[in-house]
Amino acid sequence: MKPEEFEKKVREGDIGPLYYIYGEEPYLVERGVKRLLARAVSPDFREFNLTVFYGGETKGEEIVAAALTLPMFAERRVVLVKKSGALAPAALETLSGYVQDPSPSTCLIFQGEKIDQRKKFFLDLKKGDRLVEYKRPYENQLGLFIRDEAATHGKRVEPAAAEMLAYLVGNNLQELAAQLEKVAMYVGERETVRVADIREAVSDTKVDSVFDLANALGEKNLGRALRSLRTILRDGEAPLMVLAMVTRHFRQLWRVKELVSRKVPSQEIAKAAGIHPYFVRGIMEQAGGYTLAEFRVIFERFFATDLALKTSGGKPVDLLERLVLDLCISGKN
């Protein structure tokens, strides 16, 4: 089942007896589960009708027993199994029988990150259209996420404001949601969020530091880049998030450089590159300091650093500082 279909049914109160909600984007998975819980069980009766298990600490028989228990003072009981990826093979085998004939008076929710469709448990879930996968959105899908998230605060975001927020924050959905909440409080009773609101509200945060790091690298300013990097890591930003933001910045530099090389008129570059006009002049100036051939080498360095962060066991600060040195020193003309 696609997330859009799942959320539509939840909004309409069409609650099924069984779901396995998972994906590589934890914020969307958590949000999907919360929305389902909000419609599946009344807060007034959660003490009686909501049972929460954790995959690595639970046997299949315990989950089945809870799912077969009749609800109290309500039409439905909810059983939530968090970290379902940690369920033991024996537990999955026990649960396979229940999956084929779930209790109609219970909503059993599994929450996880990955699935193994070779296993019977997941094959049965797939046959019953019980799998809901949340994928990490592409950059061109961030606007939809921003509009949807803003709507939960009763706000409408102007397209240019959504573009600016996505540019400043990147594809960290948890951070985007936090900044949107902050913006919603900033605008108060006003319904529409504008570019000026984003500029005012999304400031003095770690977002600024990442933004400054990307610009320092684009300008090959080693001192400023190292200072920004150390500030970001000291404040607890995830190394992979830092790398993703920097990579995104250089993809924009490469795209602008390519458009300039094709002699696209400057007034059309912002639209063609998908960059907000507010930022495009600075991007064009930075892109002028690179050749197209240099970008191939730079993206190879990004890939190598990403791989090292995930597999080498090296210290993230050392790996990212090495990347900064490579980009600022080796990349100089």
C-alpha atoms as a PDB file:
ATOM      1  CA  MET A   1       0.000   0.000   0.000  1.00  0.00           C
ATOM      2  CA  LYS A   2       1.356   3.389  -0.955  1.00  0.00           C
ATOM      3  CA  PRO A   3       1.743   5.950   1.843  1.00  0.00           C
ATOM      4  CA  GLU A   4      -0.695   8.329   0.109  1.00  0.00           C
ATOM      5  CA  GLU A   5      -3.407   5.659  -0.005  1.00  0.00           C
ATOM      6  CA  PHE A   6      -2.700   4.631   3.595  1.00  0.00           C
ATOM      7  CA  GLU A   7      -2.919   8.194   4.918  1.00  0.00           C
ATOM      8  CA  LYS A   8      -6.089   8.892   2.928  1.00  0.00           C
ATOM      9  CA  LYS A   9      -7.773   5.866   4.467  1.00  0.00           C
ATOM     10  CA  VAL A  10      -6.599   6.852   7.939  1.00  0.00           C
ATOM     11  CA  ARG A  11      -8.015  10.365   7.499  1.00  0.00           C
ATOM     12  CA  GLU A  12     -11.343   8.851   6.453  1.00  0.00           C
ATOM     13  CA  GLY A  13     -11.369   6.518   9.455  1.00  0.00           C
ATOM     14  CA  ASP A  14     -10.954   3.398   7.320  1.00  0.00           C
ATOM     15  CA  ILE A  15      -8.695   1.519   9.762  1.00  0.00           C
ATOM     16  CA  GLY A  16      -7.526  -1.988   8.881  1.00  0.00           C
ATOM     17  CA  PRO A  17      -6.639  -4.777  11.335  1.00  0.00           C
ATOM     18  CA  LEU A  18      -2.967  -4.971  10.428  1.00  0.00           C
ATOM     19  CA  TYR A  19      -0.111  -2.783   9.134  1.00  0.00           C
ATOM     20  CA  TYR A  20       3.663  -3.018   8.819  1.00  0.00           C
ATOM     21  CA  ILE A  21       4.901   0.588   8.517  1.00  0.00           C
ATOM     22  CA  TYR A  22       8.563   0.948   7.619  1.00  0.00           C
ATOM     23  CA  GLY A  23      11.115   2.844   5.537  1.00  0.00           C
ATOM     24  CA  GLU A  24      14.436   4.631   5.348  1.00  0.00           C
ATOM     25  CA  GLU A  25      12.987   7.958   6.508  1.00  0.00           C
ATOM     26  CA  PRO A  26      12.302   7.614  10.261  1.00  0.00           C
ATOM     27  CA  TYR A  27      10.442  10.916  10.551  1.00  0.00           C
ATOM     28  CA  LEU A  28       7.814   9.878   7.990  1.00  0.00           C
ATOM     29  CA  VAL A  29       7.460   6.416   9.537  1.00  0.00           C
ATOM     30  CA  GLU A  30       6.950   7.905  13.011  1.00  0.00           C
ATOM     31  CA  ARG A  31       4.501  10.464  11.664  1.00  0.00           C
ATOM     32  CA  GLY A  32       2.510   7.781   9.845  1.00  0.00           C
ATOM     33  CA  VAL A  33       2.267   5.678  12.999  1.00  0.00           C
ATOM     34  CA  LYS A  34       1.180   8.676  15.095  1.00  0.00           C
ATOM     35  CA  ARG A  35      -1.550   9.593  12.619  1.00  0.00           C
ATOM     36  CA  LEU A  36      -2.816   6.020  12.636  1.00  0.00           C
ATOM     37  CA  LEU A  37      -2.819   5.885  16.440  1.00  0.00           C
ATOM     38  CA  ALA A  38      -4.723   9.160  16.620  1.00  0.00           C
ATOM     39  CA  ARG A  39      -7.575   7.694  14.559  1.00  0.00           C
ATOM     40  CA  ALA A  40      -7.425   4.074  15.745  1.00  0.00           C
ATOM     41  CA  VAL A  41      -7.724   4.570  19.504  1.00  0.00           C
ATOM     42  CA  SER A  42      -9.228   7.415  21.533  1.00  0.00           C
ATOM     43  CA  PRO A  43      -6.831   9.118  23.973  1.00  0.00           C
ATOM     44  CA  ASP A  44      -9.484   8.657  26.669  1.00  0.00           C
ATOM     45  CA  PHE A  45      -9.224   4.878  26.450  1.00  0.00           C
ATOM     46  CA  ARG A  46      -5.573   4.308  25.544  1.00  0.00           C
ATOM     47  CA  GLU A  47      -4.778   3.116  29.040  1.00  0.00           C
ATOM     48  CA  PHE A  48      -7.121   0.153  28.429  1.00  0.00           C
ATOM     49  CA  ASN A  49      -6.719  -0.397  24.700  1.00  0.00           C
ATOM     50  CA  LEU A  50      -3.135   0.375  23.683  1.00  0.00           C
ATOM     51  CA  THR A  51      -0.302  -2.095  24.214  1.00  0.00           C
ATOM     52  CA  VAL A  52       3.251  -1.291  23.120  1.00  0.00           C
ATOM     53  CA  PHE A  53       5.962  -3.904  22.567  1.00  0.00           C
ATOM     54  CA  TYR A  54       9.584  -3.689  21.359  1.00  0.00           C
ATOM     55  CA  GLY A  55      10.750  -6.237  18.823  1.00  0.00           C
ATOM     56  CA  GLY A  56      13.968  -7.303  20.519  1.00  0.00           C
ATOM     57  CA  GLU A  57      12.260  -7.831  23.869  1.00  0.00           C
ATOM     58  CA  THR A  58       9.074  -9.607  22.818  1.00  0.00           C
ATOM     59  CA  LYS A  59       7.964 -13.115  21.881  1.00  0.00           C
ATOM     60  CA  GLY A  60       5.494 -13.755  19.101  1.00  0.00           C
ATOM     61  CA  GLU A  61       3.069 -15.414  21.516  1.00  0.00           C
ATOM     62  CA  GLU A  62       2.880 -12.223  23.620  1.00  0.00           C
ATOM     63  CA  ILE A  63       1.977 -10.111  20.605  1.00  0.00           C
ATOM     64  CA  VAL A  64      -0.638 -12.577  19.406  1.00  0.00           C
ATOM     65  CA  ALA A  65      -2.179 -12.823  22.890  1.00  0.00           C
ATOM     66  CA  ALA A  66      -2.457  -9.029  23.127  1.00  0.00           C
ATOM     67  CA  ALA A  67      -3.925  -8.813  19.616  1.00  0.00           C
ATOM     68  CA  LEU A  68      -6.585 -11.415  20.449  1.00  0.00           C
ATOM     69  CA  THR A  69      -7.657  -9.595  23.623  1.00  0.00           C
ATOM     70  CA  LEU A  70     -11.006  -7.862  23.229  1.00  0.00           C
ATOM     71  CA  PRO A  71     -11.107  -4.054  23.567  1.00  0.00           C
ATOM     72  CA  MET A  72     -12.527  -2.380  26.669  1.00  0.00           C
ATOM     73  CA  PHE A  73     -15.097   0.432  26.402  1.00  0.00           C
ATOM     74  CA  ALA A  74     -14.205   0.888  22.717  1.00  0.00           C
ATOM     75  CA  GLU A  75     -14.663  -0.776  19.350  1.00  0.00           C
ATOM     76  CA  ARG A  76     -10.978  -1.419  18.786  1.00  0.00           C
ATOM     77  CA  ARG A  77      -7.788  -2.398  20.580  1.00  0.00           C
ATOM     78  CA  VAL A  78      -4.384  -1.255  19.228  1.00  0.00           C
ATOM     79  CA  VAL A  79      -1.152  -3.210  19.577  1.00  0.00           C
ATOM     80  CA  LEU A  80       2.022  -1.391  18.484  1.00  0.00           C
ATOM     81  CA  VAL A  81       5.306  -3.253  17.974  1.00  0.00           C
ATOM     82  CA  LYS A  82       8.193  -0.785  17.748  1.00  0.00           C
ATOM     83  CA  LYS A  83      11.597  -1.759  16.321  1.00  0.00           C
ATOM     84  CA  SER A  84       9.951  -4.691  14.576  1.00  0.00           C
ATOM     85  CA  GLY A  85      13.104  -5.423  12.617  1.00  0.00           C
ATOM     86  CA  ALA A  86      14.511  -6.910  15.819  1.00  0.00           C
ATOM     87  CA  LEU A  87      11.812  -9.597  16.059  1.00  0.00           C
ATOM     88  CA  ALA A  88      13.374 -13.058  16.267  1.00  0.00           C
ATOM     89  CA  PRO A  89      12.757 -15.618  13.470  1.00  0.00           C
ATOM     90  CA  ALA A  90      10.705 -17.704  15.896  1.00  0.00           C
ATOM     91  CA  ALA A  91       8.504 -14.693  16.653  1.00  0.00           C
ATOM     92  CA  LEU A  92       7.933 -14.031  12.942  1.00  0.00           C
ATOM     93  CA  GLU A  93       6.976 -17.654  12.434  1.00  0.00           C
ATOM     94  CA  THR A  94       4.427 -17.449  15.247  1.00  0.00           C
ATOM     95  CA  LEU A  95       3.046 -14.187  13.900  1.00  0.00           C
ATOM     96  CA  SER A  96       2.645 -15.602  10.376  1.00  0.00           C
ATOM     97  CA  GLY A  97      -0.392 -17.553  11.511  1.00  0.00           C
ATOM     98  CA  TYR A  98      -2.013 -14.436  12.968  1.00  0.00           C
ATOM     99  CA  VAL A  99      -1.250 -12.368   9.861  1.00  0.00           C
ATOM    100  CA  GLN A 100      -3.362 -14.729   7.756  1.00  0.00           C
ATOM    101  CA  ASP A 101      -6.392 -14.280  10.020  1.00  0.00           C
ATOM    102  CA  PRO A 102      -6.097 -11.077  12.090  1.00  0.00           C
ATOM    103  CA  SER A 103      -8.626 -10.106  14.725  1.00  0.00           C
ATOM    104  CA  PRO A 104     -11.143  -7.590  13.330  1.00  0.00           C
ATOM    105  CA  SER A 105     -11.382  -5.842  16.724  1.00  0.00           C
ATOM    106  CA  THR A 106      -7.638  -5.104  16.875  1.00  0.00           C
ATOM    107  CA  CYS A 107      -5.315  -2.866  14.859  1.00  0.00           C
ATOM    108  CA  LEU A 108      -1.876  -4.497  15.038  1.00  0.00           C
ATOM    109  CA  ILE A 109       0.876  -2.111  13.935  1.00  0.00           C
ATOM    110  CA  PHE A 110       4.452  -3.123  13.254  1.00  0.00           C
ATOM    111  CA  GLN A 111       6.952  -0.250  13.011  1.00  0.00           C
ATOM    112  CA  GLY A 112      10.385  -0.858  11.502  1.00  0.00           C
ATOM    113  CA  GLU A 113      13.095   0.233   9.095  1.00  0.00           C
ATOM    114  CA  LYS A 114      13.625  -2.656   6.679  1.00  0.00           C
ATOM    115  CA  ILE A 115      11.884  -5.852   5.655  1.00  0.00           C
ATOM    116  CA  ASP A 116      12.977  -9.156   4.148  1.00  0.00           C
ATOM    117  CA  GLN A 117      10.430 -10.177   1.531  1.00  0.00           C
ATOM    118  CA  ARG A 118      11.998 -13.629   1.307  1.00  0.00           C
ATOM    119  CA  LYS A 119      10.436 -14.499   4.655  1.00  0.00           C
ATOM    120  CA  LYS A 120       6.926 -15.917   4.827  1.00  0.00           C
ATOM    121  CA  PHE A 121       5.814 -13.326   7.377  1.00  0.00           C
ATOM    122  CA  PHE A 122       6.503 -10.465   4.978  1.00  0.00           C
ATOM    123  CA  LEU A 123       5.197 -12.347   1.946  1.00  0.00           C
ATOM    124  CA  ASP A 124       1.887 -12.800   3.756  1.00  0.00           C
ATOM    125  CA  LEU A 125       1.803  -9.114   4.665  1.00  0.00           C
ATOM    126  CA  LYS A 126       2.461  -8.180   1.046  1.00  0.00           C
ATOM    127  CA  LYS A 127      -0.327 -10.456  -0.209  1.00  0.00           C
ATOM    128  CA  GLY A 128      -2.734  -8.736   2.136  1.00  0.00           C
ATOM    129  CA  ASP A 129      -1.540  -5.274   1.072  1.00  0.00           C
ATOM    130  CA  ARG A 130      -0.441  -4.569   4.647  1.00  0.00           C
ATOM    131  CA  LEU A 131       3.018  -3.124   3.904  1.00  0.00           C
ATOM    132  CA  VAL A 132       3.385   0.668   3.986  1.00  0.00           C
ATOM    133  CA  GLU A 133       6.824   1.908   2.923  1.00  0.00           C
ATOM    134  CA  TYR A 134       7.957   5.492   3.455  1.00  0.00           C
ATOM    135  CA  LYS A 135      10.851   6.390   1.176  1.00  0.00           C
ATOM    136  CA  ARG A 136      13.159   9.352   1.641  1.00  0.00           C
ATOM    137  CA  PRO A 137      11.835  12.108  -0.652  1.00  0.00           C
ATOM    138  CA  TYR A 138      13.895  13.428  -3.542  1.00  0.00           C
ATOM    139  CA  GLU A 139      14.849  17.096  -3.487  1.00  0.00           C
ATOM    140  CA  ASN A 140      12.083  17.968  -5.935  1.00  0.00           C
ATOM    141  CA  GLN A 141       9.551  16.406  -3.527  1.00  0.00           C
ATOM    142  CA  LEU A 142      10.529  18.504  -0.503  1.00  0.00           C
ATOM    143  CA  GLY A 143       8.066  21.224  -1.450  1.00  0.00           C
ATOM    144  CA  LEU A 144       5.170  18.781  -1.103  1.00  0.00           C
ATOM    145  CA  PHE A 145       6.433  17.684   2.314  1.00  0.00           C
ATOM    146  CA  ILE A 146       6.796  21.301   3.445  1.00  0.00           C
ATOM    147  CA  ARG A 147       3.266  22.183   2.317  1.00  0.00           C
ATOM    148  CA  ASP A 148       1.823  19.091   3.986  1.00  0.00           C
ATOM    149  CA  GLU A 149       3.692  19.704   7.230  1.00  0.00           C
ATOM    150  CA  ALA A 150       2.751  23.405   7.251  1.00  0.00           C
ATOM    151  CA  ALA A 151      -0.910  22.459   6.841  1.00  0.00           C
ATOM    152  CA  THR A 152      -0.750  20.625  10.188  1.00  0.00           C
ATOM    153  CA  HIS A 153      -0.045  24.045  11.734  1.00  0.00           C
ATOM    154  CA  GLY A 154      -2.866  25.657   9.751  1.00  0.00           C
ATOM    155  CA  LYS A 155      -0.442  27.468   7.451  1.00  0.00           C
ATOM    156  CA  ARG A 156       0.055  27.824   3.718  1.00  0.00           C
ATOM    157  CA  VAL A 157       3.621  28.287   2.433  1.00  0.00           C
ATOM    158  CA  GLU A 158       4.277  30.362  -0.657  1.00  0.00           C
ATOM    159  CA  PRO A 159       6.213  28.358  -3.306  1.00  0.00           C
ATOM    160  CA  ALA A 160       9.234  30.669  -3.093  1.00  0.00           C
ATOM    161  CA  ALA A 161       9.253  30.375   0.709  1.00  0.00           C
ATOM    162  CA  ALA A 162       9.116  26.581   0.470  1.00  0.00           C
ATOM    163  CA  GLU A 163      12.053  26.613  -1.962  1.00  0.00           C
ATOM    164  CA  MET A 164      14.081  28.814   0.337  1.00  0.00           C
ATOM    165  CA  LEU A 165      13.389  26.625   3.377  1.00  0.00           C
ATOM    166  CA  ALA A 166      14.368  23.486   1.451  1.00  0.00           C
ATOM    167  CA  TYR A 167      17.555  25.177   0.313  1.00  0.00           C
ATOM    168  CA  LEU A 168      18.487  26.299   3.816  1.00  0.00           C
ATOM    169  CA  VAL A 169      17.660  23.062   5.620  1.00  0.00           C
ATOM    170  CA  GLY A 170      18.086  20.374   2.962  1.00  0.00           C
ATOM    171  CA  ASN A 171      16.349  16.988   3.107  1.00  0.00           C
ATOM    172  CA  ASN A 172      16.568  16.402   6.861  1.00  0.00           C
ATOM    173  CA  LEU A 173      12.830  16.030   7.462  1.00  0.00           C
ATOM    174  CA  GLN A 174      13.122  16.190  11.236  1.00  0.00           C
ATOM    175  CA  GLU A 175      14.905  19.534  10.956  1.00  0.00           C
ATOM    176  CA  LEU A 176      12.463  20.777   8.307  1.00  0.00           C
ATOM    177  CA  ALA A 177       9.525  19.941  10.559  1.00  0.00           C
ATOM    178  CA  ALA A 178      11.174  21.673  13.525  1.00  0.00           C
ATOM    179  CA  GLN A 179      11.871  24.809  11.478  1.00  0.00           C
ATOM    180  CA  LEU A 180       8.301  24.837  10.126  1.00  0.00           C
ATOM    181  CA  GLU A 181       6.946  24.692  13.657  1.00  0.00           C
ATOM    182  CA  LYS A 182       9.193  27.620  14.531  1.00  0.00           C
ATOM    183  CA  VAL A 183       8.038  29.585  11.468  1.00  0.00           C
ATOM    184  CA  ALA A 184       4.382  28.878  12.282  1.00  0.00           C
ATOM    185  CA  MET A 185       4.867  30.353  15.745  1.00  0.00           C
ATOM    186  CA  TYR A 186       6.713  33.325  14.254  1.00  0.00           C
ATOM    187  CA  VAL A 187       3.907  34.295  11.835  1.00  0.00           C
ATOM    188  CA  GLY A 188       1.273  33.940  14.542  1.00  0.00           C
ATOM    189  CA  GLU A 189      -2.313  34.250  13.330  1.00  0.00           C
ATOM    190  CA  ARG A 190      -1.313  35.003   9.750  1.00  0.00           C
ATOM    191  CA  GLU A 191      -2.146  32.071   7.498  1.00  0.00           C
ATOM    192  CA  THR A 192       0.487  32.516   4.763  1.00  0.00           C
ATOM    193  CA  VAL A 193       4.219  31.966   5.232  1.00  0.00           C
ATOM    194  CA  ARG A 194       6.343  34.223   3.006  1.00  0.00           C
ATOM    195  CA  VAL A 195      10.002  34.377   1.982  1.00  0.00           C
ATOM    196  CA  ALA A 196      10.637  37.162   4.483  1.00  0.00           C
ATOM    197  CA  ASP A 197       9.313  34.929   7.286  1.00  0.00           C
ATOM    198  CA  ILE A 198      11.748  32.161   6.370  1.00  0.00           C
ATOM    199  CA  ARG A 199      14.646  34.602   6.288  1.00  0.00           C
ATOM    200  CA  GLU A 200      13.737  35.975   9.707  1.00  0.00           C
ATOM    201  CA  ALA A 201      12.706  32.802  11.542  1.00  0.00           C
ATOM    202  CA  VAL A 202      15.184  30.266  10.162  1.00  0.00           C
ATOM    203  CA  SER A 203      18.249  32.021  11.496  1.00  0.00           C
ATOM    204  CA  ASP A 204      20.619  31.787  14.427  1.00  0.00           C
ATOM    205  CA  THR A 205      20.413  28.002  14.207  1.00  0.00           C
ATOM    206  CA  LYS A 206      22.719  25.179  13.209  1.00  0.00           C
ATOM    207  CA  VAL A 207      21.181  25.520   9.738  1.00  0.00           C
ATOM    208  CA  ASP A 208      23.114  28.753   9.337  1.00  0.00           C
ATOM    209  CA  SER A 209      26.353  26.954  10.193  1.00  0.00           C
ATOM    210  CA  VAL A 210      25.810  24.256   7.574  1.00  0.00           C
ATOM    211  CA  PHE A 211      24.854  26.941   5.064  1.00  0.00           C
ATOM    212  CA  ASP A 212      28.029  28.862   5.923  1.00  0.00           C
ATOM    213  CA  LEU A 213      30.116  25.678   5.551  1.00  0.00           C
ATOM    214  CA  ALA A 214      28.704  25.023   2.076  1.00  0.00           C
ATOM    215  CA  ASN A 215      29.432  28.575   0.978  1.00  0.00           C
ATOM    216  CA  ALA A 216      32.934  28.518   2.455  1.00  0.00           C
ATOM    217  CA  LEU A 217      33.680  25.334   0.526  1.00  0.00           C
ATOM    218  CA  GLY A 218      32.185  26.779  -2.643  1.00  0.00           C
ATOM    219  CA  GLU A 219      34.492  29.772  -2.238  1.00  0.00           C
ATOM    220  CA  LYS A 220      37.458  27.492  -1.296  1.00  0.00           C
ATOM    221  CA  ASN A 221      37.891  29.388   1.971  1.00  0.00           C
ATOM    222  CA  LEU A 222      39.732  26.806   4.083  1.00  0.00           C
ATOM    223  CA  GLY A 223      39.849  28.674   7.381  1.00  0.00           C
ATOM    224  CA  ARG A 224      36.170  29.543   7.420  1.00  0.00           C
ATOM    225  CA  ALA A 225      35.185  26.063   6.261  1.00  0.00           C
ATOM    226  CA  LEU A 226      37.130  24.337   9.051  1.00  0.00           C
ATOM    227  CA  ARG A 227      35.694  26.694  11.687  1.00  0.00           C
ATOM    228  CA  SER A 228      32.145  26.074  10.446  1.00  0.00           C
ATOM    229  CA  LEU A 229      32.669  22.319  10.343  1.00  0.00           C
ATOM    230  CA  ARG A 230      33.958  22.187  13.914  1.00  0.00           C
ATOM    231  CA  THR A 231      31.057  24.322  15.131  1.00  0.00           C
ATOM    232  CA  ILE A 232      28.525  22.061  13.407  1.00  0.00           C
ATOM    233  CA  LEU A 233      30.002  18.832  14.776  1.00  0.00           C
ATOM    234  CA  ARG A 234      30.380  20.338  18.244  1.00  0.00           C
ATOM    235  CA  ASP A 235      26.670  21.197  18.192  1.00  0.00           C
ATOM    236  CA  GLY A 236      25.819  17.565  17.494  1.00  0.00           C
ATOM    237  CA  GLU A 237      24.889  17.580  13.810  1.00  0.00           C
ATOM    238  CA  ALA A 238      25.088  14.128  12.210  1.00  0.00           C
ATOM    239  CA  PRO A 239      28.170  13.773   9.939  1.00  0.00           C
ATOM    240  CA  LEU A 240      26.148  12.167   7.135  1.00  0.00           C
ATOM    241  CA  MET A 241      23.699  15.078   7.265  1.00  0.00           C
ATOM    242  CA  VAL A 242      26.589  17.532   6.908  1.00  0.00           C
ATOM    243  CA  LEU A 243      27.905  15.599   3.917  1.00  0.00           C
ATOM    244  CA  ALA A 244      24.445  15.500   2.318  1.00  0.00           C
ATOM    245  CA  MET A 245      24.035  19.261   2.622  1.00  0.00           C
ATOM    246  CA  VAL A 246      27.474  19.969   1.167  1.00  0.00           C
ATOM    247  CA  THR A 247      26.914  17.503  -1.674  1.00  0.00           C
ATOM    248  CA  ARG A 248      23.604  19.185  -2.469  1.00  0.00           C
ATOM    249  CA  HIS A 249      25.339  22.570  -2.645  1.00  0.00           C
ATOM    250  CA  PHE A 250      27.939  21.287  -5.091  1.00  0.00           C
ATOM    251  CA  ARG A 251      25.291  19.642  -7.257  1.00  0.00           C
ATOM    252  CA  GLN A 252      23.776  23.096  -7.619  1.00  0.00           C
ATOM    253  CA  LEU A 253      27.173  24.588  -8.452  1.00  0.00           C
ATOM    254  CA  TRP A 254      27.720  21.913 -11.090  1.00  0.00           C
ATOM    255  CA  ARG A 255      24.246  22.455 -12.584  1.00  0.00           C
ATOM    256  CA  VAL A 256      24.753  26.224 -12.803  1.00  0.00           C
ATOM    257  CA  LYS A 257      28.221  25.757 -14.313  1.00  0.00           C
ATOM    258  CA  GLU A 258      26.780  23.455 -16.940  1.00  0.00           C
ATOM    259  CA  LEU A 259      24.014  25.937 -17.812  1.00  0.00           C
ATOM    260  CA  VAL A 260      26.531  28.771 -18.097  1.00  0.00           C
ATOM    261  CA  SER A 261      28.712  26.642 -20.381  1.00  0.00           C
ATOM    262  CA  ARG A 262      25.655  26.135 -22.619  1.00  0.00           C
ATOM    263  CA  LYS A 263      25.234  29.934 -22.705  1.00  0.00           C
ATOM    264  CA  VAL A 264      21.799  29.861 -21.032  1.00  0.00           C
ATOM    265  CA  PRO A 265      20.790  33.489 -20.317  1.00  0.00           C
ATOM    266  CA  SER A 266      21.526  34.447 -16.708  1.00  0.00           C
ATOM    267  CA  GLN A 267      17.910  35.441 -16.070  1.00  0.00           C
ATOM    268  CA  GLU A 268      16.805  31.895 -16.961  1.00  0.00           C
ATOM    269  CA  ILE A 269      19.400  30.006 -14.927  1.00  0.00           C
ATOM    270  CA  ALA A 270      17.532  30.127 -11.600  1.00  0.00           C
ATOM    271  CA  LYS A 271      14.449  28.462 -13.089  1.00  0.00           C
ATOM    272  CA  ALA A 272      16.426  25.952 -15.150  1.00  0.00           C
ATOM    273  CA  ALA A 273      18.561  24.927 -12.155  1.00  0.00           C
ATOM    274  CA  GLY A 274      15.652  24.845  -9.724  1.00  0.00           C
ATOM    275  CA  ILE A 275      17.335  27.401  -7.432  1.00  0.00           C
ATOM    276  CA  HIS A 276      15.536  30.253  -5.745  1.00  0.00           C
ATOM    277  CA  PRO A 277      16.499  33.576  -7.403  1.00  0.00           C
ATOM    278  CA  TYR A 278      17.557  34.907  -3.999  1.00  0.00           C
ATOM    279  CA  PHE A 279      20.525  32.508  -4.031  1.00  0.00           C
ATOM    280  CA  VAL A 280      21.381  32.176  -7.687  1.00  0.00           C
ATOM    281  CA  ARG A 281      23.807  35.108  -7.957  1.00  0.00           C
ATOM    282  CA  GLY A 282      26.045  33.728  -5.200  1.00  0.00           C
ATOM    283  CA  ILE A 283      25.873  30.246  -6.719  1.00  0.00           C
ATOM    284  CA  MET A 284      26.911  31.608 -10.117  1.00  0.00           C
ATOM    285  CA  GLU A 285      29.884  33.446  -8.587  1.00  0.00           C
ATOM    286  CA  GLN A 286      31.069  30.301  -6.804  1.00  0.00           C
ATOM    287  CA  ALA A 287      30.512  28.100  -9.868  1.00  0.00           C
ATOM    288  CA  GLY A 288      32.785  30.417 -11.824  1.00  0.00           C
ATOM    289  CA  GLY A 289      35.713  29.197  -9.730  1.00  0.00           C
ATOM    290  CA  TYR A 290      35.418  25.629 -11.031  1.00  0.00           C
ATOM    291  CA  THR A 291      35.699  23.749 -14.289  1.00  0.00           C
ATOM    292  CA  LEU A 292      33.265  20.998 -15.240  1.00  0.00           C
ATOM    293  CA  ALA A 293      36.122  18.494 -15.020  1.00  0.00           C
ATOM    294  CA  GLU A 294      36.778  19.483 -11.402  1.00  0.00           C
ATOM    295  CA  PHE A 295      33.232  18.590 -10.410  1.00  0.00           C
ATOM    296  CA  ARG A 296      33.743  14.956 -11.475  1.00  0.00           C
ATOM    297  CA  VAL A 297      36.687  14.691  -9.063  1.00  0.00           C
ATOM    298  CA  ILE A 298      34.738  16.474  -6.316  1.00  0.00           C
ATOM    299  CA  PHE A 299      31.780  14.089  -6.551  1.00  0.00           C
ATOM    300  CA  GLU A 300      34.169  11.130  -6.422  1.00  0.00           C
ATOM    301  CA  ARG A 301      35.492  12.569  -3.142  1.00  0.00           C
ATOM    302  CA  PHE A 302      31.954  12.918  -1.807  1.00  0.00           C
ATOM    303  CA  PHE A 303      31.243   9.282  -2.659  1.00  0.00           C
ATOM    304  CA  ALA A 304      34.472   8.093  -1.030  1.00  0.00           C
ATOM    305  CA  THR A 305      33.744  10.100   2.131  1.00  0.00           C
ATOM    306  CA  ASP A 306      30.180   8.782   2.311  1.00  0.00           C
ATOM    307  CA  LEU A 307      31.473   5.216   2.023  1.00  0.00           C
ATOM    308  CA  ALA A 308      34.159   5.832   4.648  1.00  0.00           C
ATOM    309  CA  LEU A 309      31.664   7.348   7.099  1.00  0.00           C
ATOM    310  CA  LYS A 310      29.434   4.285   6.761  1.00  0.00           C
ATOM    311  CA  THR A 311      32.023   1.495   6.683  1.00  0.00           C
ATOM    312  CA  SER A 312      35.578   2.445   7.641  1.00  0.00           C
ATOM    313  CA  GLY A 313      35.209   3.008  11.367  1.00  0.00           C
ATOM    314  CA  GLY A 314      37.299   6.154  11.056  1.00  0.00           C
ATOM    315  CA  LYS A 315      36.518   9.226  13.151  1.00  0.00           C
ATOM    316  CA  PRO A 316      33.872  11.331  11.360  1.00  0.00           C
ATOM    317  CA  VAL A 317      35.617  14.591  12.270  1.00  0.00           C
ATOM    318  CA  ASP A 318      38.859  13.367  10.669  1.00  0.00           C
ATOM    319  CA  LEU A 319      37.092  12.166   7.516  1.00  0.00           C
ATOM    320  CA  LEU A 320      35.177  15.421   7.080  1.00  0.00           C
ATOM    321  CA  GLU A 321      38.211  17.588   7.790  1.00  0.00           C
ATOM    322  CA  ARG A 322      40.136  15.638   5.141  1.00  0.00           C
ATOM    323  CA  LEU A 323      37.291  16.307   2.693  1.00  0.00           C
ATOM    324  CA  VAL A 324      37.365  20.030   3.508  1.00  0.00           C
ATOM    325  CA  LEU A 325      41.121  20.142   2.941  1.00  0.00           C
ATOM    326  CA  ASP A 326      40.777  18.311  -0.379  1.00  0.00           C
ATOM    327  CA  LEU A 327      38.043  20.633  -1.618  1.00  0.00           C
ATOM    328  CA  CYS A 328      39.711  23.879  -0.534  1.00  0.00           C
ATOM    329  CA  ILE A 329      43.349  23.127  -1.312  1.00  0.00           C
ATOM    330  CA  SER A 330      43.376  20.519  -4.076  1.00  0.00           C
ATOM    331  CA  GLY A 331      40.506  22.271  -5.792  1.00  0.00           C
ATOM    332  CA  LYS A 332      42.202  25.649  -6.062  1.00  0.00           C
ATOM    333  CA  ASN A 333      43.011  26.859  -9.527  1.00  0.00           C
END
